[in-house]
Amino acid sequence: MKFKAIVFAVTLLMAGGLYASVTEEETFSFKLNDGGRLSVSNVNGSITVTGGSGDRVEIIAYKKADDQKYLDEIEIDISHTDDSVVIETDLPDSDSWFSGSNKNGEVRYEILVPANTNLDSIATVNGGVEVSGVAGNVDAKTVNGSLNISDLEADARCSTVNGSIDASFTKLEGQQKVKAETVNGRVTLRLPKDADVQVDADTLNGGINGRDFDLETDKGFVGKDMNGNIGNGSARLSIDTVNGSIKVRSN
């Protein structure tokens, strides 16, 4: 019993000391006109954007850091008008690694926007991006993280370096232009059965599957590609990855 108590005390010490962190939550609310624009720039942390009713942008920022001093220095800068909201994350410089006191922090965003908002740039470096219920244009990107985008029906650009892309469309036709690109990760796109789009897909190391729409894959000297039309091919869809598979599926 005494031994178990000692082990439990050591575990609590590790949880409360070596792995301790402090958190803080900030909320913001701004009016945004129909068809307005939102931009988010983050460094460490995920971003989730959800479209809904109403005419306001509701922002919850979950801040986390190794200690209170670093947390207090994390700043969220927001500039806004009735037509635009721009969010920028400012993390303080970490102490030198050689000093033995390297500090880290992150901000995770959950944002509710009017459904017709245009997402000019939803960007982070280390973290994933999720978007749903947004009918306007979408530009989502990260470096180390995956993208999960749903309910697309306008122009879209999805980009990551180390991570997968999973996107679904409620509409893909007319003058829409869509580009999905990653370096190390798979790309899975789900299109409506009545999509009308020209598809151009390329991968260096991975397979390509477009059988749901009778699209044929060609194996070149290096890599694979898939080029063809769904319907009359009015919209444009470009898919690129280096190390990963590509799948074009029917919803």
C-alpha atoms as a PDB file:
ATOM      1  CA  MET A   1       0.000   0.000   0.000  1.00  0.00           C
ATOM      2  CA  LYS A   2       2.852   2.365   0.898  1.00  0.00           C
ATOM      3  CA  PHE A   3       4.594   1.612  -2.424  1.00  0.00           C
ATOM      4  CA  LYS A   4       1.397   2.332  -4.369  1.00  0.00           C
ATOM      5  CA  ALA A   5       1.020   5.659  -2.555  1.00  0.00           C
ATOM      6  CA  ILE A   6       4.561   6.680  -3.516  1.00  0.00           C
ATOM      7  CA  VAL A   7       3.967   5.781  -7.166  1.00  0.00           C
ATOM      8  CA  PHE A   8       0.716   7.749  -7.171  1.00  0.00           C
ATOM      9  CA  ALA A   9       2.474  10.792  -5.672  1.00  0.00           C
ATOM     10  CA  VAL A  10       5.215  10.674  -8.300  1.00  0.00           C
ATOM     11  CA  THR A  11       2.601  10.434 -11.048  1.00  0.00           C
ATOM     12  CA  LEU A  12       0.805  13.504  -9.710  1.00  0.00           C
ATOM     13  CA  LEU A  13       4.103  15.382  -9.503  1.00  0.00           C
ATOM     14  CA  MET A  14       4.868  14.617 -13.159  1.00  0.00           C
ATOM     15  CA  ALA A  15       1.370  15.592 -14.265  1.00  0.00           C
ATOM     16  CA  GLY A  16       1.459  18.820 -12.275  1.00  0.00           C
ATOM     17  CA  GLY A  17       5.034  19.790 -13.056  1.00  0.00           C
ATOM     18  CA  LEU A  18       6.859  18.360 -16.016  1.00  0.00           C
ATOM     19  CA  TYR A  19       3.736  18.143 -18.200  1.00  0.00           C
ATOM     20  CA  ALA A  20       1.846  21.107 -16.734  1.00  0.00           C
ATOM     21  CA  SER A  21       0.262  23.738 -18.964  1.00  0.00           C
ATOM     22  CA  VAL A  22      -2.007  26.724 -18.499  1.00  0.00           C
ATOM     23  CA  THR A  23      -5.029  27.610 -20.594  1.00  0.00           C
ATOM     24  CA  GLU A  24      -7.273  30.557 -21.301  1.00  0.00           C
ATOM     25  CA  GLU A  25     -10.360  31.113 -23.423  1.00  0.00           C
ATOM     26  CA  GLU A  26     -11.196  34.311 -25.303  1.00  0.00           C
ATOM     27  CA  THR A  27     -14.407  35.052 -27.196  1.00  0.00           C
ATOM     28  CA  PHE A  28     -15.194  37.678 -29.817  1.00  0.00           C
ATOM     29  CA  SER A  29     -18.277  38.587 -31.848  1.00  0.00           C
ATOM     30  CA  PHE A  30     -18.554  40.824 -34.911  1.00  0.00           C
ATOM     31  CA  LYS A  31     -21.236  41.668 -37.443  1.00  0.00           C
ATOM     32  CA  LEU A  32     -20.470  40.493 -40.987  1.00  0.00           C
ATOM     33  CA  ASN A  33     -22.522  41.334 -44.060  1.00  0.00           C
ATOM     34  CA  ASP A  34     -23.804  38.641 -46.397  1.00  0.00           C
ATOM     35  CA  GLY A  35     -20.961  37.547 -48.682  1.00  0.00           C
ATOM     36  CA  GLY A  36     -18.333  39.097 -46.391  1.00  0.00           C
ATOM     37  CA  ARG A  37     -14.789  37.793 -45.990  1.00  0.00           C
ATOM     38  CA  LEU A  38     -12.918  35.994 -43.213  1.00  0.00           C
ATOM     39  CA  SER A  39      -9.170  35.406 -42.908  1.00  0.00           C
ATOM     40  CA  VAL A  40      -7.390  33.525 -40.118  1.00  0.00           C
ATOM     41  CA  SER A  41      -3.625  33.236 -39.669  1.00  0.00           C
ATOM     42  CA  ASN A  42      -2.393  30.800 -37.021  1.00  0.00           C
ATOM     43  CA  VAL A  43       0.925  29.163 -36.125  1.00  0.00           C
ATOM     44  CA  ASN A  44       0.386  26.319 -33.667  1.00  0.00           C
ATOM     45  CA  GLY A  45      -3.136  24.994 -33.373  1.00  0.00           C
ATOM     46  CA  SER A  46      -6.134  23.844 -35.370  1.00  0.00           C
ATOM     47  CA  ILE A  47      -8.859  25.973 -36.961  1.00  0.00           C
ATOM     48  CA  THR A  48     -12.514  24.958 -37.272  1.00  0.00           C
ATOM     49  CA  VAL A  49     -14.922  27.139 -39.280  1.00  0.00           C
ATOM     50  CA  THR A  50     -18.635  26.342 -39.431  1.00  0.00           C
ATOM     51  CA  GLY A  51     -21.274  28.126 -41.498  1.00  0.00           C
ATOM     52  CA  GLY A  52     -24.625  28.909 -39.955  1.00  0.00           C
ATOM     53  CA  SER A  53     -27.518  31.358 -39.843  1.00  0.00           C
ATOM     54  CA  GLY A  54     -27.350  34.930 -38.625  1.00  0.00           C
ATOM     55  CA  ASP A  55     -25.102  37.843 -39.530  1.00  0.00           C
ATOM     56  CA  ARG A  56     -22.293  37.551 -36.994  1.00  0.00           C
ATOM     57  CA  VAL A  57     -18.878  35.953 -36.734  1.00  0.00           C
ATOM     58  CA  GLU A  58     -18.541  34.208 -33.364  1.00  0.00           C
ATOM     59  CA  ILE A  59     -14.967  33.353 -32.386  1.00  0.00           C
ATOM     60  CA  ILE A  60     -13.717  31.169 -29.538  1.00  0.00           C
ATOM     61  CA  ALA A  61      -9.929  31.100 -29.122  1.00  0.00           C
ATOM     62  CA  TYR A  62      -8.527  28.433 -26.818  1.00  0.00           C
ATOM     63  CA  LYS A  63      -5.047  29.515 -25.749  1.00  0.00           C
ATOM     64  CA  LYS A  64      -2.559  27.092 -24.191  1.00  0.00           C
ATOM     65  CA  ALA A  65       1.042  27.547 -23.046  1.00  0.00           C
ATOM     66  CA  ASP A  66       3.738  25.993 -20.901  1.00  0.00           C
ATOM     67  CA  ASP A  67       3.471  28.721 -18.258  1.00  0.00           C
ATOM     68  CA  GLN A  68       1.407  31.774 -17.366  1.00  0.00           C
ATOM     69  CA  LYS A  69       4.003  34.299 -18.527  1.00  0.00           C
ATOM     70  CA  TYR A  70       4.085  32.837 -22.041  1.00  0.00           C
ATOM     71  CA  LEU A  71       0.279  32.565 -22.097  1.00  0.00           C
ATOM     72  CA  ASP A  72      -0.099  36.237 -21.179  1.00  0.00           C
ATOM     73  CA  GLU A  73       2.126  37.201 -24.107  1.00  0.00           C
ATOM     74  CA  ILE A  74       0.054  35.346 -26.739  1.00  0.00           C
ATOM     75  CA  GLU A  75      -1.898  37.985 -28.627  1.00  0.00           C
ATOM     76  CA  ILE A  76      -4.869  37.652 -30.935  1.00  0.00           C
ATOM     77  CA  ASP A  77      -5.093  40.642 -33.253  1.00  0.00           C
ATOM     78  CA  ILE A  78      -8.429  41.189 -35.011  1.00  0.00           C
ATOM     79  CA  SER A  79      -9.266  43.872 -37.546  1.00  0.00           C
ATOM     80  CA  HIS A  80     -12.855  44.066 -38.710  1.00  0.00           C
ATOM     81  CA  THR A  81     -15.406  45.944 -40.744  1.00  0.00           C
ATOM     82  CA  ASP A  82     -18.940  44.998 -41.711  1.00  0.00           C
ATOM     83  CA  ASP A  83     -17.489  43.315 -44.814  1.00  0.00           C
ATOM     84  CA  SER A  84     -14.309  41.721 -43.481  1.00  0.00           C
ATOM     85  CA  VAL A  85     -12.856  40.044 -40.387  1.00  0.00           C
ATOM     86  CA  VAL A  86      -9.106  39.335 -40.221  1.00  0.00           C
ATOM     87  CA  ILE A  87      -7.662  37.288 -37.332  1.00  0.00           C
ATOM     88  CA  GLU A  88      -3.919  37.029 -36.720  1.00  0.00           C
ATOM     89  CA  THR A  89      -2.152  35.014 -34.027  1.00  0.00           C
ATOM     90  CA  ASP A  90       0.981  36.497 -32.478  1.00  0.00           C
ATOM     91  CA  LEU A  91       3.068  34.032 -30.475  1.00  0.00           C
ATOM     92  CA  PRO A  92       5.986  35.443 -28.454  1.00  0.00           C
ATOM     93  CA  ASP A  93       9.497  34.308 -29.316  1.00  0.00           C
ATOM     94  CA  SER A  94      10.491  31.169 -27.421  1.00  0.00           C
ATOM     95  CA  ASP A  95      13.504  31.291 -25.133  1.00  0.00           C
ATOM     96  CA  SER A  96      16.633  29.774 -26.554  1.00  0.00           C
ATOM     97  CA  TRP A  97      16.752  25.987 -26.509  1.00  0.00           C
ATOM     98  CA  PHE A  98      20.310  26.244 -25.183  1.00  0.00           C
ATOM     99  CA  SER A  99      19.070  28.026 -22.072  1.00  0.00           C
ATOM    100  CA  GLY A 100      17.047  24.970 -21.135  1.00  0.00           C
ATOM    101  CA  SER A 101      13.838  27.022 -20.846  1.00  0.00           C
ATOM    102  CA  ASN A 102      12.289  26.692 -24.277  1.00  0.00           C
ATOM    103  CA  LYS A 103       8.584  27.589 -24.056  1.00  0.00           C
ATOM    104  CA  ASN A 104       5.718  26.697 -26.360  1.00  0.00           C
ATOM    105  CA  GLY A 105       2.184  27.847 -26.903  1.00  0.00           C
ATOM    106  CA  GLU A 106      -0.771  27.346 -29.222  1.00  0.00           C
ATOM    107  CA  VAL A 107      -4.179  28.714 -30.069  1.00  0.00           C
ATOM    108  CA  ARG A 108      -7.084  26.577 -31.236  1.00  0.00           C
ATOM    109  CA  TYR A 109      -9.907  28.408 -32.999  1.00  0.00           C
ATOM    110  CA  GLU A 110     -13.582  27.516 -33.273  1.00  0.00           C
ATOM    111  CA  ILE A 111     -15.399  30.028 -35.494  1.00  0.00           C
ATOM    112  CA  LEU A 112     -19.041  30.314 -36.532  1.00  0.00           C
ATOM    113  CA  VAL A 113     -19.706  32.426 -39.647  1.00  0.00           C
ATOM    114  CA  PRO A 114     -22.732  33.328 -41.801  1.00  0.00           C
ATOM    115  CA  ALA A 115     -23.211  30.602 -44.418  1.00  0.00           C
ATOM    116  CA  ASN A 116     -22.371  32.813 -47.431  1.00  0.00           C
ATOM    117  CA  THR A 117     -19.040  34.006 -46.035  1.00  0.00           C
ATOM    118  CA  ASN A 118     -15.997  33.845 -48.314  1.00  0.00           C
ATOM    119  CA  LEU A 119     -13.011  32.292 -46.568  1.00  0.00           C
ATOM    120  CA  ASP A 120     -10.130  34.284 -48.076  1.00  0.00           C
ATOM    121  CA  SER A 121      -7.388  32.409 -46.199  1.00  0.00           C
ATOM    122  CA  ILE A 122      -7.811  29.952 -43.341  1.00  0.00           C
ATOM    123  CA  ALA A 123      -4.185  29.108 -42.591  1.00  0.00           C
ATOM    124  CA  THR A 124      -2.124  27.467 -39.871  1.00  0.00           C
ATOM    125  CA  VAL A 125       1.348  25.946 -39.745  1.00  0.00           C
ATOM    126  CA  ASN A 126       1.067  23.143 -37.203  1.00  0.00           C
ATOM    127  CA  GLY A 127      -2.503  21.905 -36.978  1.00  0.00           C
ATOM    128  CA  GLY A 128      -5.486  20.757 -38.965  1.00  0.00           C
ATOM    129  CA  VAL A 129      -8.210  22.793 -40.655  1.00  0.00           C
ATOM    130  CA  GLU A 130     -11.896  21.863 -40.748  1.00  0.00           C
ATOM    131  CA  VAL A 131     -14.568  23.740 -42.692  1.00  0.00           C
ATOM    132  CA  SER A 132     -18.254  22.887 -43.064  1.00  0.00           C
ATOM    133  CA  GLY A 133     -21.487  24.582 -44.067  1.00  0.00           C
ATOM    134  CA  VAL A 134     -19.804  27.482 -45.903  1.00  0.00           C
ATOM    135  CA  ALA A 135     -21.302  28.297 -49.326  1.00  0.00           C
ATOM    136  CA  GLY A 136     -18.748  30.950 -50.297  1.00  0.00           C
ATOM    137  CA  ASN A 137     -15.244  30.522 -51.682  1.00  0.00           C
ATOM    138  CA  VAL A 138     -12.847  28.542 -49.492  1.00  0.00           C
ATOM    139  CA  ASP A 139      -9.061  28.833 -49.279  1.00  0.00           C
ATOM    140  CA  ALA A 140      -7.722  26.478 -46.585  1.00  0.00           C
ATOM    141  CA  LYS A 141      -4.104  25.608 -45.982  1.00  0.00           C
ATOM    142  CA  THR A 142      -1.690  24.164 -43.453  1.00  0.00           C
ATOM    143  CA  VAL A 143       1.858  22.824 -43.439  1.00  0.00           C
ATOM    144  CA  ASN A 144       1.763  20.028 -40.873  1.00  0.00           C
ATOM    145  CA  GLY A 145      -1.807  18.842 -40.616  1.00  0.00           C
ATOM    146  CA  SER A 146      -4.815  17.515 -42.492  1.00  0.00           C
ATOM    147  CA  LEU A 147      -7.711  19.311 -44.155  1.00  0.00           C
ATOM    148  CA  ASN A 148     -11.313  18.181 -43.722  1.00  0.00           C
ATOM    149  CA  ILE A 149     -13.659  20.300 -45.836  1.00  0.00           C
ATOM    150  CA  SER A 150     -17.332  19.575 -46.478  1.00  0.00           C
ATOM    151  CA  ASP A 151     -20.371  21.152 -48.174  1.00  0.00           C
ATOM    152  CA  LEU A 152     -18.296  22.913 -50.856  1.00  0.00           C
ATOM    153  CA  GLU A 153     -20.261  24.654 -53.608  1.00  0.00           C
ATOM    154  CA  ALA A 154     -17.996  27.479 -54.797  1.00  0.00           C
ATOM    155  CA  ASP A 155     -14.332  27.967 -55.724  1.00  0.00           C
ATOM    156  CA  ALA A 156     -11.948  26.156 -53.384  1.00  0.00           C
ATOM    157  CA  ARG A 157      -8.234  25.759 -52.822  1.00  0.00           C
ATOM    158  CA  CYS A 158      -7.022  23.145 -50.330  1.00  0.00           C
ATOM    159  CA  SER A 159      -3.307  22.876 -49.651  1.00  0.00           C
ATOM    160  CA  THR A 160      -1.054  21.078 -47.162  1.00  0.00           C
ATOM    161  CA  VAL A 161       2.470  19.671 -47.118  1.00  0.00           C
ATOM    162  CA  ASN A 162       2.371  16.886 -44.542  1.00  0.00           C
ATOM    163  CA  GLY A 163      -1.189  15.695 -44.242  1.00  0.00           C
ATOM    164  CA  SER A 164      -4.222  14.349 -46.046  1.00  0.00           C
ATOM    165  CA  ILE A 165      -7.072  16.181 -47.761  1.00  0.00           C
ATOM    166  CA  ASP A 166     -10.663  15.007 -47.433  1.00  0.00           C
ATOM    167  CA  ALA A 167     -13.251  17.211 -49.141  1.00  0.00           C
ATOM    168  CA  SER A 168     -16.863  16.801 -50.205  1.00  0.00           C
ATOM    169  CA  PHE A 169     -18.999  18.904 -52.556  1.00  0.00           C
ATOM    170  CA  THR A 170     -22.693  19.656 -52.673  1.00  0.00           C
ATOM    171  CA  LYS A 171     -22.212  21.305 -56.082  1.00  0.00           C
ATOM    172  CA  LEU A 172     -19.437  21.185 -58.701  1.00  0.00           C
ATOM    173  CA  GLU A 173     -20.364  22.769 -62.027  1.00  0.00           C
ATOM    174  CA  GLY A 174     -20.355  25.920 -64.101  1.00  0.00           C
ATOM    175  CA  GLN A 175     -17.429  28.277 -63.520  1.00  0.00           C
ATOM    176  CA  GLN A 176     -16.207  26.637 -60.309  1.00  0.00           C
ATOM    177  CA  LYS A 177     -12.461  26.156 -59.938  1.00  0.00           C
ATOM    178  CA  VAL A 178     -11.069  23.738 -57.368  1.00  0.00           C
ATOM    179  CA  LYS A 179      -7.490  22.803 -56.552  1.00  0.00           C
ATOM    180  CA  ALA A 180      -6.349  20.224 -53.964  1.00  0.00           C
ATOM    181  CA  GLU A 181      -2.644  19.678 -53.408  1.00  0.00           C
ATOM    182  CA  THR A 182      -0.418  17.986 -50.854  1.00  0.00           C
ATOM    183  CA  VAL A 183       3.094  16.545 -50.791  1.00  0.00           C
ATOM    184  CA  ASN A 184       2.945  13.753 -48.227  1.00  0.00           C
ATOM    185  CA  GLY A 185      -0.613  12.549 -47.913  1.00  0.00           C
ATOM    186  CA  ARG A 186      -3.658  11.137 -49.658  1.00  0.00           C
ATOM    187  CA  VAL A 187      -6.426  13.133 -51.342  1.00  0.00           C
ATOM    188  CA  THR A 188     -10.041  11.943 -51.185  1.00  0.00           C
ATOM    189  CA  LEU A 189     -12.717  14.021 -52.907  1.00  0.00           C
ATOM    190  CA  ARG A 190     -16.435  13.229 -52.860  1.00  0.00           C
ATOM    191  CA  LEU A 191     -18.437  14.744 -55.710  1.00  0.00           C
ATOM    192  CA  PRO A 192     -22.184  14.892 -56.359  1.00  0.00           C
ATOM    193  CA  LYS A 193     -23.505  12.391 -58.876  1.00  0.00           C
ATOM    194  CA  ASP A 194     -24.500  15.225 -61.226  1.00  0.00           C
ATOM    195  CA  ALA A 195     -21.092  16.946 -61.115  1.00  0.00           C
ATOM    196  CA  ASP A 196     -20.038  18.638 -64.348  1.00  0.00           C
ATOM    197  CA  VAL A 197     -16.268  19.033 -64.222  1.00  0.00           C
ATOM    198  CA  GLN A 198     -12.986  18.452 -65.992  1.00  0.00           C
ATOM    199  CA  VAL A 199     -10.648  16.423 -63.768  1.00  0.00           C
ATOM    200  CA  ASP A 200      -6.837  16.545 -63.861  1.00  0.00           C
ATOM    201  CA  ALA A 201      -5.123  14.410 -61.216  1.00  0.00           C
ATOM    202  CA  ASP A 202      -1.460  13.473 -60.727  1.00  0.00           C
ATOM    203  CA  THR A 203       0.533  11.519 -58.168  1.00  0.00           C
ATOM    204  CA  LEU A 204       4.143  10.401 -58.121  1.00  0.00           C
ATOM    205  CA  ASN A 205       3.966   7.602 -55.543  1.00  0.00           C
ATOM    206  CA  GLY A 206       0.452   6.271 -55.093  1.00  0.00           C
ATOM    207  CA  GLY A 207      -2.646   4.980 -56.822  1.00  0.00           C
ATOM    208  CA  ILE A 208      -5.538   6.870 -58.433  1.00  0.00           C
ATOM    209  CA  ASN A 209      -9.147   5.722 -58.331  1.00  0.00           C
ATOM    210  CA  GLY A 210     -11.916   7.461 -60.288  1.00  0.00           C
ATOM    211  CA  ARG A 211     -14.016   4.410 -61.084  1.00  0.00           C
ATOM    212  CA  ASP A 212     -17.189   5.890 -59.571  1.00  0.00           C
ATOM    213  CA  PHE A 213     -17.248   8.260 -62.569  1.00  0.00           C
ATOM    214  CA  ASP A 214     -15.648   5.900 -65.109  1.00  0.00           C
ATOM    215  CA  LEU A 215     -12.442   7.946 -65.146  1.00  0.00           C
ATOM    216  CA  GLU A 216      -9.406   6.039 -66.399  1.00  0.00           C
ATOM    217  CA  THR A 217      -5.940   6.138 -64.872  1.00  0.00           C
ATOM    218  CA  ASP A 218      -2.778   6.270 -66.958  1.00  0.00           C
ATOM    219  CA  LYS A 219       0.532   4.988 -65.679  1.00  0.00           C
ATOM    220  CA  GLY A 220       3.437   6.983 -67.009  1.00  0.00           C
ATOM    221  CA  PHE A 221       7.158   6.384 -66.873  1.00  0.00           C
ATOM    222  CA  VAL A 222       7.038   8.076 -63.468  1.00  0.00           C
ATOM    223  CA  GLY A 223       3.837   8.276 -61.451  1.00  0.00           C
ATOM    224  CA  LYS A 224       0.190   8.110 -62.495  1.00  0.00           C
ATOM    225  CA  ASP A 225      -2.341  10.589 -63.821  1.00  0.00           C
ATOM    226  CA  MET A 226      -6.065  10.746 -64.503  1.00  0.00           C
ATOM    227  CA  ASN A 227      -7.586  13.197 -66.964  1.00  0.00           C
ATOM    228  CA  GLY A 228     -11.181  13.253 -68.122  1.00  0.00           C
ATOM    229  CA  ASN A 229     -14.594  14.874 -67.970  1.00  0.00           C
ATOM    230  CA  ILE A 230     -17.535  14.201 -65.720  1.00  0.00           C
ATOM    231  CA  GLY A 231     -20.559  15.412 -67.648  1.00  0.00           C
ATOM    232  CA  ASN A 232     -19.562  18.161 -70.072  1.00  0.00           C
ATOM    233  CA  GLY A 233     -16.593  19.253 -67.974  1.00  0.00           C
ATOM    234  CA  SER A 234     -17.638  22.861 -67.340  1.00  0.00           C
ATOM    235  CA  ALA A 235     -15.931  23.291 -63.942  1.00  0.00           C
ATOM    236  CA  ARG A 236     -12.220  22.680 -63.290  1.00  0.00           C
ATOM    237  CA  LEU A 237     -10.755  20.278 -60.709  1.00  0.00           C
ATOM    238  CA  SER A 238      -7.004  19.876 -60.237  1.00  0.00           C
ATOM    239  CA  ILE A 239      -5.544  17.312 -57.803  1.00  0.00           C
ATOM    240  CA  ASP A 240      -1.853  16.843 -57.032  1.00  0.00           C
ATOM    241  CA  THR A 241       0.130  14.831 -54.521  1.00  0.00           C
ATOM    242  CA  VAL A 242       3.648  13.419 -54.458  1.00  0.00           C
ATOM    243  CA  ASN A 243       3.484  10.653 -51.869  1.00  0.00           C
ATOM    244  CA  GLY A 244      -0.087   9.490 -51.555  1.00  0.00           C
ATOM    245  CA  SER A 245      -3.161   8.115 -53.265  1.00  0.00           C
ATOM    246  CA  ILE A 246      -5.961  10.019 -54.996  1.00  0.00           C
ATOM    247  CA  LYS A 247      -9.607   8.959 -54.855  1.00  0.00           C
ATOM    248  CA  VAL A 248     -12.513  10.673 -56.615  1.00  0.00           C
ATOM    249  CA  ARG A 249     -15.705   9.249 -55.182  1.00  0.00           C
ATOM    250  CA  SER A 250     -19.416   9.776 -55.735  1.00  0.00           C
ATOM    251  CA  ASN A 251     -21.416  11.134 -52.774  1.00  0.00           C
END
